Amino acid sequence: MRTSYLSSLIFALLASTSLAVTAAPAAVPSADVSKSATAAPPVGQSAKVNLNSASAEILQKELSGVGAAKANAIVAYREEHGGFTAVDELIEVKGIGKALLDKNRDKLFID
């Protein structure tokens, strides 16, 4: 009787292990992981924004501290005064100060 009890326990353990392995999601091959990691920017970092061509929606989405009103003010300034000649010129836009410019300087470029 003791042998049949032990055999039943071992069978139950093996059956549950087999079920767990079968139900587990498939592992992603390491080659696919490296491709996806290089395709997207790291978490917390975004692509650089061109001040002379970015829409208000992109400015709002990509720049920290820039909401709809400031993004629209940047586009309006650009349309009224022509394209920006330097990133520092962004301070001329109403509502944009030095602190906001410094916070976003690494995300901006001019072409």
Protein backbone atom coordinates (compact mmCIF):
# COMPACT_ATOMS: atom_id res chain seq x y z
CA MET A 1 0.00 0.00 0.00
CA ARG A 2 2.84 2.34 0.82
CA THR A 3 4.37 1.81 -2.64
CA SER A 4 1.13 2.57 -4.44
CA TYR A 5 0.69 5.77 -2.38
CA LEU A 6 4.23 6.90 -3.21
CA SER A 7 3.70 6.03 -6.90
CA SER A 8 0.49 8.09 -6.94
CA LEU A 9 2.26 11.12 -5.46
CA ILE A 10 5.11 10.89 -7.97
CA PHE A 11 2.65 10.53 -10.84
CA ALA A 12 0.70 13.60 -9.64
CA LEU A 13 3.90 15.63 -9.34
CA LEU A 14 5.07 14.68 -12.83
CA ALA A 15 1.63 15.32 -14.34
CA SER A 16 1.36 18.79 -12.79
CA THR A 17 4.91 19.65 -13.91
CA SER A 18 4.11 18.52 -17.43
CA LEU A 19 0.95 20.62 -17.48
CA ALA A 20 2.81 23.70 -16.20
CA VAL A 21 5.50 23.40 -18.88
CA THR A 22 2.92 22.91 -21.62
CA ALA A 23 0.83 25.91 -20.48
CA ALA A 24 3.80 28.28 -20.05
CA PRO A 25 4.25 30.94 -22.76
CA ALA A 26 6.99 30.30 -25.28
CA ALA A 27 10.29 32.02 -24.62
CA VAL A 28 11.36 34.69 -27.12
CA PRO A 29 14.65 33.83 -28.85
CA SER A 30 17.48 36.15 -27.83
CA ALA A 31 18.00 37.31 -31.43
CA ASP A 32 14.47 38.76 -31.55
CA VAL A 33 14.95 40.53 -28.23
CA SER A 34 18.07 42.33 -29.44
CA LYS A 35 16.33 43.49 -32.62
CA SER A 36 13.39 44.96 -30.73
CA ALA A 37 15.67 46.66 -28.21
CA THR A 38 17.59 48.50 -30.93
CA ALA A 39 14.50 49.45 -32.93
CA ALA A 40 12.83 51.52 -30.22
CA PRO A 41 14.39 54.22 -28.09
CA PRO A 42 15.00 53.25 -24.46
CA VAL A 43 12.19 53.78 -21.99
CA GLY A 44 12.12 57.37 -20.80
CA GLN A 45 13.89 58.69 -23.86
CA SER A 46 12.19 59.99 -26.93
CA ALA A 47 13.28 61.05 -30.38
CA LYS A 48 14.53 64.57 -30.98
CA VAL A 49 11.97 67.14 -32.10
CA ASN A 50 12.57 69.55 -34.98
CA LEU A 51 11.32 72.96 -33.84
CA ASN A 52 10.78 74.11 -37.42
CA SER A 53 8.58 71.25 -38.59
CA ALA A 54 6.96 69.61 -35.55
CA SER A 55 3.21 69.94 -35.19
CA ALA A 56 1.60 71.18 -31.98
CA GLU A 57 0.58 67.60 -31.14
CA ILE A 58 4.15 66.32 -31.43
CA LEU A 59 5.51 69.23 -29.38
CA GLN A 60 2.95 68.57 -26.68
CA LYS A 61 3.64 64.84 -26.64
CA GLU A 62 7.44 64.88 -26.75
CA LEU A 63 8.36 67.91 -24.62
CA SER A 64 7.94 67.85 -20.87
CA GLY A 65 6.05 70.78 -19.39
CA VAL A 66 4.53 71.71 -22.76
CA GLY A 67 0.77 71.43 -22.95
CA ALA A 68 -1.64 72.29 -25.72
CA ALA A 69 -1.48 76.06 -25.13
CA LYS A 70 2.33 76.25 -25.19
CA ALA A 71 2.57 73.91 -28.17
CA ASN A 72 0.10 76.07 -30.09
CA ALA A 73 2.05 79.20 -29.06
CA ILE A 74 5.28 77.67 -30.44
CA VAL A 75 3.60 76.89 -33.78
CA ALA A 76 1.99 80.36 -33.93
CA TYR A 77 5.35 82.03 -33.21
CA ARG A 78 6.98 79.95 -35.93
CA GLU A 79 4.29 80.89 -38.45
CA GLU A 80 4.46 84.58 -37.54
CA HIS A 81 8.25 85.01 -37.33
CA GLY A 82 9.46 82.28 -39.67
CA GLY A 83 11.49 79.25 -38.66
CA PHE A 84 13.67 79.18 -35.58
CA THR A 85 17.35 79.83 -36.18
CA ALA A 86 18.49 78.43 -32.82
CA VAL A 87 17.00 76.37 -30.02
CA ASP A 88 17.60 79.30 -27.63
CA GLU A 89 15.14 81.39 -29.67
CA LEU A 90 12.36 79.31 -28.10
CA ILE A 91 12.55 81.61 -25.06
CA GLU A 92 10.93 84.32 -27.21
CA VAL A 93 7.67 82.33 -27.25
CA LYS A 94 5.17 83.50 -24.64
CA GLY A 95 4.99 80.99 -21.78
CA ILE A 96 8.38 79.40 -22.45
CA GLY A 97 11.06 80.27 -19.92
CA LYS A 98 14.68 79.38 -19.40
CA ALA A 99 13.87 76.51 -17.02
CA LEU A 100 11.49 74.88 -19.51
CA LEU A 101 14.01 75.33 -22.31
CA ASP A 102 16.81 73.80 -20.22
CA LYS A 103 14.59 70.84 -19.31
CA ASN A 104 13.90 70.10 -23.01
CA ARG A 105 17.12 71.31 -24.68
CA ASP A 106 18.42 67.77 -25.35
CA LYS A 107 15.14 66.84 -27.08
CA LEU A 108 15.21 69.76 -29.56
CA PHE A 109 17.04 70.50 -32.79
CA ILE A 110 16.83 72.90 -35.71
CA ASP A 111 17.36 72.02 -39.37
